[in-house]
Amino acid sequence: MDPPRLARAIENAERLRLFDEMELRRVGGRLGAALRGYAGEPPPTRREFERRALTLFAQAGLPRPAVNTLVGTLEVDFCWPDQRLIVEADSFEFHGTRAAFERDRRRDQQLRVAGWTTIRITWRQLHEHADEVIAAIAA
């Protein structure tokens, strides 16, 4: 299999709870390369993520957002109040559990009802798909 197809197979196995990363890491060659690509870089700290995002926003000519600010009773990562836009910087480490999955959707619904648009971005998207992230925010 080519690496993208292997990565999709790994993702499907993880979704089905059949994925044992430690066991599979013992396998070399192309599967090892696919696992390294799937895992990506080590998770960033909150500050690293925010710093990288702010740099990207500035390079793209976007106005500087408010950072770690309250919208109602909810703290959000980045906020453009005039556009009623929120960008949440999500890492799998803190948003990859069932509870976080449910909590994030509830927050998004609450914000939507209050008239806000929420865009969620990941560290990998910031690095590998920066143009798409900027296009989504600019839109």
N, C-alpha and C. Protein backbone atom coordinates (compact mmCIF):
# COMPACT_ATOMS: atom_id res chain seq x y z
N MET A 1 0.84 -1.19 0.00
CA MET A 1 0.00 0.00 0.00
C MET A 1 0.88 1.25 0.00
N ASP A 2 0.35 2.31 -0.59
CA ASP A 2 1.06 3.57 -0.51
C ASP A 2 0.80 4.21 0.87
N PRO A 3 1.66 5.14 1.31
CA PRO A 3 1.52 5.72 2.66
C PRO A 3 0.16 6.35 2.96
N PRO A 4 -0.47 7.10 2.04
CA PRO A 4 -1.79 7.65 2.39
C PRO A 4 -2.84 6.56 2.65
N ARG A 5 -2.78 5.49 1.86
CA ARG A 5 -3.75 4.40 2.05
C ARG A 5 -3.48 3.68 3.38
N LEU A 6 -2.21 3.47 3.71
CA LEU A 6 -1.87 2.88 5.01
C LEU A 6 -2.35 3.76 6.16
N ALA A 7 -2.18 5.07 6.03
CA ALA A 7 -2.63 5.99 7.08
C ALA A 7 -4.13 5.89 7.28
N ARG A 8 -4.90 5.76 6.19
CA ARG A 8 -6.35 5.60 6.32
C ARG A 8 -6.69 4.28 7.01
N ALA A 9 -5.95 3.22 6.70
CA ALA A 9 -6.19 1.93 7.35
C ALA A 9 -5.92 2.03 8.85
N ILE A 10 -4.85 2.72 9.22
CA ILE A 10 -4.53 2.91 10.64
C ILE A 10 -5.65 3.70 11.32
N GLU A 11 -6.11 4.75 10.66
CA GLU A 11 -7.18 5.57 11.24
C GLU A 11 -8.45 4.74 11.44
N ASN A 12 -8.79 3.90 10.46
CA ASN A 12 -9.96 3.04 10.59
C ASN A 12 -9.79 2.05 11.74
N ALA A 13 -8.62 1.48 11.88
CA ALA A 13 -8.36 0.54 12.97
C ALA A 13 -8.49 1.25 14.32
N GLU A 14 -8.00 2.47 14.40
CA GLU A 14 -8.11 3.22 15.65
C GLU A 14 -9.57 3.52 15.96
N ARG A 15 -10.33 3.91 14.94
CA ARG A 15 -11.75 4.21 15.14
C ARG A 15 -12.50 2.99 15.65
N LEU A 16 -12.13 1.80 15.17
CA LEU A 16 -12.77 0.55 15.58
C LEU A 16 -12.18 -0.03 16.87
N ARG A 17 -11.24 0.71 17.46
CA ARG A 17 -10.57 0.30 18.70
C ARG A 17 -9.79 -1.01 18.52
N LEU A 18 -9.22 -1.19 17.32
CA LEU A 18 -8.42 -2.37 17.01
C LEU A 18 -6.94 -2.02 16.88
N PHE A 19 -6.60 -0.81 17.19
CA PHE A 19 -5.27 -0.28 16.95
C PHE A 19 -4.41 -0.44 18.18
N ASP A 20 -3.30 -1.16 18.06
CA ASP A 20 -2.32 -1.32 19.14
C ASP A 20 -1.01 -0.74 18.63
N GLU A 21 -0.80 0.54 18.91
CA GLU A 21 0.35 1.25 18.37
C GLU A 21 1.67 0.60 18.76
N MET A 22 1.81 0.21 20.02
CA MET A 22 3.08 -0.36 20.47
C MET A 22 3.41 -1.65 19.71
N GLU A 23 2.43 -2.49 19.50
CA GLU A 23 2.65 -3.74 18.76
C GLU A 23 3.02 -3.44 17.31
N LEU A 24 2.30 -2.52 16.71
CA LEU A 24 2.55 -2.20 15.30
C LEU A 24 3.87 -1.48 15.09
N ARG A 25 4.34 -0.73 16.08
CA ARG A 25 5.62 -0.04 15.92
C ARG A 25 6.78 -1.02 15.81
N ARG A 26 6.56 -2.25 16.24
CA ARG A 26 7.62 -3.27 16.12
C ARG A 26 7.82 -3.70 14.67
N VAL A 27 6.85 -3.42 13.86
CA VAL A 27 6.93 -3.78 12.45
C VAL A 27 7.70 -2.68 11.72
N GLY A 28 8.65 -3.04 10.90
CA GLY A 28 9.48 -2.04 10.22
C GLY A 28 8.94 -1.65 8.87
N GLY A 29 9.80 -1.02 8.10
CA GLY A 29 9.51 -0.70 6.70
C GLY A 29 8.42 0.32 6.52
N ARG A 30 7.58 0.07 5.54
CA ARG A 30 6.56 1.04 5.13
C ARG A 30 5.51 1.27 6.20
N LEU A 31 5.17 0.24 6.97
CA LEU A 31 4.19 0.43 8.03
C LEU A 31 4.75 1.36 9.10
N GLY A 32 6.02 1.21 9.43
CA GLY A 32 6.66 2.11 10.39
C GLY A 32 6.63 3.54 9.90
N ALA A 33 6.91 3.75 8.62
CA ALA A 33 6.88 5.10 8.05
C ALA A 33 5.46 5.67 8.09
N ALA A 34 4.48 4.84 7.79
CA ALA A 34 3.09 5.30 7.83
C ALA A 34 2.68 5.67 9.25
N LEU A 35 3.12 4.90 10.23
CA LEU A 35 2.80 5.21 11.64
C LEU A 35 3.44 6.53 12.06
N ARG A 36 4.67 6.75 11.66
CA ARG A 36 5.33 8.01 12.01
C ARG A 36 4.59 9.18 11.37
N GLY A 37 4.17 9.00 10.13
CA GLY A 37 3.42 10.06 9.46
C GLY A 37 2.06 10.29 10.09
N TYR A 38 1.42 9.23 10.55
CA TYR A 38 0.10 9.35 11.16
C TYR A 38 0.19 10.06 12.50
N ALA A 39 1.21 9.74 13.29
CA ALA A 39 1.35 10.33 14.62
C ALA A 39 1.72 11.81 14.52
N GLY A 40 2.41 12.21 13.48
CA GLY A 40 2.80 13.60 13.32
C GLY A 40 3.84 14.02 14.34
N GLU A 41 3.96 15.31 14.50
CA GLU A 41 4.93 15.85 15.45
C GLU A 41 4.42 15.66 16.87
N PRO A 42 5.32 15.77 17.85
CA PRO A 42 4.85 15.71 19.23
C PRO A 42 3.85 16.84 19.48
N PRO A 43 2.89 16.62 20.38
CA PRO A 43 1.90 17.66 20.61
C PRO A 43 2.54 18.93 21.14
N PRO A 44 2.08 20.07 20.66
CA PRO A 44 2.66 21.34 21.11
C PRO A 44 2.07 21.75 22.46
N THR A 45 2.74 22.65 23.14
CA THR A 45 2.14 23.26 24.30
C THR A 45 1.09 24.25 23.81
N ARG A 46 0.26 24.68 24.71
CA ARG A 46 -0.77 25.67 24.34
C ARG A 46 -0.09 26.92 23.79
N ARG A 47 0.97 27.36 24.45
CA ARG A 47 1.66 28.57 24.01
C ARG A 47 2.28 28.41 22.63
N GLU A 48 2.89 27.23 22.38
CA GLU A 48 3.48 26.99 21.06
C GLU A 48 2.42 27.06 19.97
N PHE A 49 1.29 26.41 20.24
CA PHE A 49 0.20 26.37 19.28
C PHE A 49 -0.30 27.79 19.01
N GLU A 50 -0.53 28.55 20.08
CA GLU A 50 -1.03 29.92 19.92
C GLU A 50 -0.02 30.80 19.19
N ARG A 51 1.25 30.67 19.55
CA ARG A 51 2.30 31.48 18.91
C ARG A 51 2.36 31.18 17.41
N ARG A 52 2.34 29.91 17.05
CA ARG A 52 2.39 29.53 15.63
C ARG A 52 1.16 30.03 14.90
N ALA A 53 -0.01 29.91 15.51
CA ALA A 53 -1.25 30.37 14.87
C ALA A 53 -1.22 31.88 14.68
N LEU A 54 -0.81 32.62 15.71
CA LEU A 54 -0.76 34.08 15.60
C LEU A 54 0.22 34.52 14.52
N THR A 55 1.34 33.83 14.41
CA THR A 55 2.32 34.14 13.36
C THR A 55 1.69 33.91 11.98
N LEU A 56 1.01 32.79 11.81
CA LEU A 56 0.35 32.49 10.54
C LEU A 56 -0.71 33.53 10.21
N PHE A 57 -1.54 33.90 11.20
CA PHE A 57 -2.58 34.90 10.97
C PHE A 57 -1.95 36.22 10.51
N ALA A 58 -0.88 36.64 11.19
CA ALA A 58 -0.21 37.90 10.85
C ALA A 58 0.39 37.84 9.45
N GLN A 59 1.05 36.73 9.11
CA GLN A 59 1.65 36.59 7.79
C GLN A 59 0.60 36.64 6.69
N ALA A 60 -0.61 36.18 7.01
CA ALA A 60 -1.69 36.18 6.03
C ALA A 60 -2.40 37.53 5.95
N GLY A 61 -2.01 38.46 6.82
CA GLY A 61 -2.63 39.78 6.79
C GLY A 61 -3.96 39.86 7.52
N LEU A 62 -4.27 38.86 8.33
CA LEU A 62 -5.52 38.90 9.10
C LEU A 62 -5.36 39.84 10.29
N PRO A 63 -6.44 40.47 10.72
CA PRO A 63 -6.35 41.29 11.92
C PRO A 63 -6.01 40.41 13.13
N ARG A 64 -5.34 40.98 14.11
CA ARG A 64 -4.96 40.22 15.30
C ARG A 64 -6.22 39.90 16.11
N PRO A 65 -6.41 38.63 16.45
CA PRO A 65 -7.58 38.27 17.26
C PRO A 65 -7.31 38.49 18.75
N ALA A 66 -8.37 38.54 19.53
CA ALA A 66 -8.24 38.44 20.98
C ALA A 66 -7.85 37.00 21.27
N VAL A 67 -7.01 36.80 22.27
CA VAL A 67 -6.50 35.46 22.59
C VAL A 67 -6.92 35.07 24.00
N ASN A 68 -7.42 33.84 24.14
CA ASN A 68 -7.84 33.31 25.44
C ASN A 68 -8.78 34.28 26.15
N THR A 69 -9.83 34.61 25.46
CA THR A 69 -10.78 35.60 25.96
C THR A 69 -12.14 34.95 26.20
N LEU A 70 -12.98 35.62 26.97
CA LEU A 70 -14.31 35.09 27.25
C LEU A 70 -15.31 35.57 26.20
N VAL A 71 -16.12 34.62 25.76
CA VAL A 71 -17.30 34.92 24.96
C VAL A 71 -18.45 34.38 25.79
N GLY A 72 -19.19 35.28 26.39
CA GLY A 72 -20.17 34.85 27.39
C GLY A 72 -19.41 34.27 28.57
N THR A 73 -19.72 33.03 28.90
CA THR A 73 -19.02 32.36 30.01
C THR A 73 -17.95 31.40 29.52
N LEU A 74 -17.74 31.32 28.21
CA LEU A 74 -16.81 30.36 27.64
C LEU A 74 -15.49 31.02 27.25
N GLU A 75 -14.38 30.43 27.67
CA GLU A 75 -13.08 30.92 27.21
C GLU A 75 -12.81 30.31 25.85
N VAL A 76 -12.42 31.16 24.90
CA VAL A 76 -12.11 30.70 23.55
C VAL A 76 -10.66 31.04 23.23
N ASP A 77 -10.08 30.29 22.29
CA ASP A 77 -8.67 30.47 21.97
C ASP A 77 -8.41 31.77 21.21
N PHE A 78 -9.10 31.96 20.09
CA PHE A 78 -8.92 33.16 19.27
C PHE A 78 -10.31 33.70 18.92
N CYS A 79 -10.44 35.01 18.94
CA CYS A 79 -11.75 35.60 18.71
C CYS A 79 -11.63 36.91 17.93
N TRP A 80 -12.44 37.03 16.89
CA TRP A 80 -12.59 38.26 16.14
C TRP A 80 -14.03 38.74 16.39
N PRO A 81 -14.24 39.59 17.41
CA PRO A 81 -15.60 39.98 17.80
C PRO A 81 -16.41 40.65 16.69
N ASP A 82 -15.78 41.52 15.91
CA ASP A 82 -16.53 42.22 14.85
C ASP A 82 -17.09 41.25 13.81
N GLN A 83 -16.38 40.16 13.57
CA GLN A 83 -16.84 39.15 12.61
C GLN A 83 -17.62 38.02 13.28
N ARG A 84 -17.67 38.07 14.62
CA ARG A 84 -18.33 37.02 15.42
C ARG A 84 -17.75 35.65 15.05
N LEU A 85 -16.42 35.62 14.99
CA LEU A 85 -15.68 34.42 14.60
C LEU A 85 -14.77 33.97 15.74
N ILE A 86 -14.79 32.67 15.97
CA ILE A 86 -13.93 32.04 16.98
C ILE A 86 -13.13 30.95 16.29
N VAL A 87 -11.85 30.88 16.61
CA VAL A 87 -11.01 29.78 16.16
C VAL A 87 -10.51 29.06 17.40
N GLU A 88 -10.77 27.77 17.45
CA GLU A 88 -10.32 26.93 18.55
C GLU A 88 -9.15 26.08 18.07
N ALA A 89 -8.06 26.10 18.82
CA ALA A 89 -6.86 25.33 18.51
C ALA A 89 -6.93 24.01 19.27
N ASP A 90 -7.26 22.94 18.57
CA ASP A 90 -7.51 21.65 19.21
C ASP A 90 -6.34 20.69 19.03
N SER A 91 -5.85 20.17 20.12
CA SER A 91 -4.85 19.10 20.04
C SER A 91 -5.54 17.79 20.41
N PHE A 92 -5.11 16.70 19.80
CA PHE A 92 -5.70 15.40 20.10
C PHE A 92 -5.49 15.04 21.56
N GLU A 93 -4.37 15.50 22.11
CA GLU A 93 -4.07 15.21 23.51
C GLU A 93 -5.18 15.68 24.44
N PHE A 94 -5.76 16.86 24.18
CA PHE A 94 -6.77 17.42 25.07
C PHE A 94 -8.19 17.31 24.51
N HIS A 95 -8.34 16.97 23.24
CA HIS A 95 -9.67 16.92 22.63
C HIS A 95 -9.98 15.55 22.04
N GLY A 96 -9.18 14.53 22.36
CA GLY A 96 -9.34 13.22 21.75
C GLY A 96 -10.11 12.21 22.57
N THR A 97 -10.78 12.65 23.62
CA THR A 97 -11.57 11.72 24.43
C THR A 97 -13.05 11.87 24.10
N ARG A 98 -13.83 10.90 24.51
CA ARG A 98 -15.28 10.97 24.29
C ARG A 98 -15.87 12.20 25.00
N ALA A 99 -15.43 12.45 26.23
CA ALA A 99 -15.95 13.60 26.98
C ALA A 99 -15.61 14.91 26.28
N ALA A 100 -14.38 15.04 25.79
CA ALA A 100 -13.98 16.26 25.08
C ALA A 100 -14.76 16.41 23.78
N PHE A 101 -14.96 15.30 23.09
CA PHE A 101 -15.73 15.31 21.84
C PHE A 101 -17.12 15.88 22.09
N GLU A 102 -17.80 15.39 23.14
CA GLU A 102 -19.14 15.86 23.48
C GLU A 102 -19.11 17.31 23.94
N ARG A 103 -18.15 17.65 24.79
CA ARG A 103 -18.04 19.01 25.33
C ARG A 103 -17.80 20.03 24.21
N ASP A 104 -16.93 19.69 23.26
CA ASP A 104 -16.63 20.59 22.16
C ASP A 104 -17.87 20.86 21.31
N ARG A 105 -18.64 19.84 21.04
CA ARG A 105 -19.84 20.03 20.22
C ARG A 105 -20.89 20.84 20.96
N ARG A 106 -21.00 20.62 22.26
CA ARG A 106 -21.95 21.41 23.06
C ARG A 106 -21.54 22.88 23.05
N ARG A 107 -20.24 23.15 23.24
CA ARG A 107 -19.74 24.53 23.18
C ARG A 107 -20.03 25.16 21.83
N ASP A 108 -19.75 24.43 20.76
CA ASP A 108 -19.98 24.96 19.41
C ASP A 108 -21.46 25.30 19.22
N GLN A 109 -22.33 24.44 19.73
CA GLN A 109 -23.78 24.70 19.61
C GLN A 109 -24.18 25.94 20.39
N GLN A 110 -23.66 26.08 21.61
CA GLN A 110 -23.98 27.25 22.44
C GLN A 110 -23.51 28.53 21.74
N LEU A 111 -22.30 28.47 21.20
CA LEU A 111 -21.77 29.65 20.51
C LEU A 111 -22.58 29.95 19.25
N ARG A 112 -22.98 28.93 18.53
CA ARG A 112 -23.76 29.12 17.30
C ARG A 112 -25.10 29.77 17.61
N VAL A 113 -25.75 29.31 18.67
CA VAL A 113 -27.03 29.88 19.08
C VAL A 113 -26.85 31.37 19.43
N ALA A 114 -25.69 31.72 19.98
CA ALA A 114 -25.39 33.11 20.33
C ALA A 114 -24.90 33.92 19.13
N GLY A 115 -24.87 33.30 17.94
CA GLY A 115 -24.52 34.03 16.73
C GLY A 115 -23.06 34.01 16.33
N TRP A 116 -22.29 33.08 16.90
CA TRP A 116 -20.86 32.98 16.60
C TRP A 116 -20.60 31.81 15.66
N THR A 117 -19.59 31.95 14.82
CA THR A 117 -19.09 30.85 14.00
C THR A 117 -17.80 30.35 14.63
N THR A 118 -17.69 29.04 14.79
CA THR A 118 -16.49 28.43 15.36
C THR A 118 -15.80 27.59 14.31
N ILE A 119 -14.50 27.81 14.17
CA ILE A 119 -13.65 26.99 13.30
C ILE A 119 -12.63 26.31 14.20
N ARG A 120 -12.52 25.01 14.08
CA ARG A 120 -11.56 24.25 14.88
C ARG A 120 -10.37 23.89 13.99
N ILE A 121 -9.16 24.14 14.50
CA ILE A 121 -7.96 23.81 13.75
C ILE A 121 -7.05 22.93 14.60
N THR A 122 -6.23 22.15 13.93
CA THR A 122 -5.28 21.27 14.62
C THR A 122 -3.86 21.73 14.32
N TRP A 123 -2.93 21.23 15.12
CA TRP A 123 -1.51 21.52 14.92
C TRP A 123 -1.07 21.05 13.54
N ARG A 124 -1.50 19.86 13.15
CA ARG A 124 -1.12 19.33 11.84
C ARG A 124 -1.68 20.21 10.72
N GLN A 125 -2.92 20.65 10.85
CA GLN A 125 -3.48 21.54 9.84
C GLN A 125 -2.67 22.83 9.74
N LEU A 126 -2.27 23.35 10.88
CA LEU A 126 -1.49 24.59 10.91
C LEU A 126 -0.19 24.44 10.14
N HIS A 127 0.41 23.24 10.21
CA HIS A 127 1.69 23.00 9.55
C HIS A 127 1.56 22.49 8.13
N GLU A 128 0.60 21.61 7.88
CA GLU A 128 0.52 20.95 6.59
C GLU A 128 -0.52 21.55 5.65
N HIS A 129 -1.47 22.29 6.21
CA HIS A 129 -2.56 22.84 5.39
C HIS A 129 -2.84 24.29 5.77
N ALA A 130 -1.79 25.05 6.00
CA ALA A 130 -1.93 26.44 6.45
C ALA A 130 -2.79 27.27 5.50
N ASP A 131 -2.64 27.07 4.20
CA ASP A 131 -3.44 27.83 3.24
C ASP A 131 -4.93 27.57 3.42
N GLU A 132 -5.29 26.32 3.70
CA GLU A 132 -6.70 25.98 3.92
C GLU A 132 -7.22 26.61 5.21
N VAL A 133 -6.39 26.63 6.24
CA VAL A 133 -6.78 27.25 7.50
C VAL A 133 -7.04 28.74 7.28
N ILE A 134 -6.12 29.41 6.62
CA ILE A 134 -6.29 30.85 6.37
C ILE A 134 -7.50 31.10 5.50
N ALA A 135 -7.72 30.29 4.47
CA ALA A 135 -8.88 30.48 3.60
C ALA A 135 -10.19 30.35 4.39
N ALA A 136 -10.25 29.38 5.29
CA ALA A 136 -11.46 29.18 6.11
C ALA A 136 -11.70 30.39 7.01
N ILE A 137 -10.64 30.88 7.63
CA ILE A 137 -10.78 32.02 8.54
C ILE A 137 -11.14 33.29 7.75
N ALA A 138 -10.48 33.50 6.64
CA ALA A 138 -10.73 34.70 5.83
C ALA A 138 -12.15 34.71 5.26
N ALA A 139 -12.68 33.53 4.98
CA ALA A 139 -14.04 33.44 4.41
C ALA A 139 -15.06 33.89 5.43
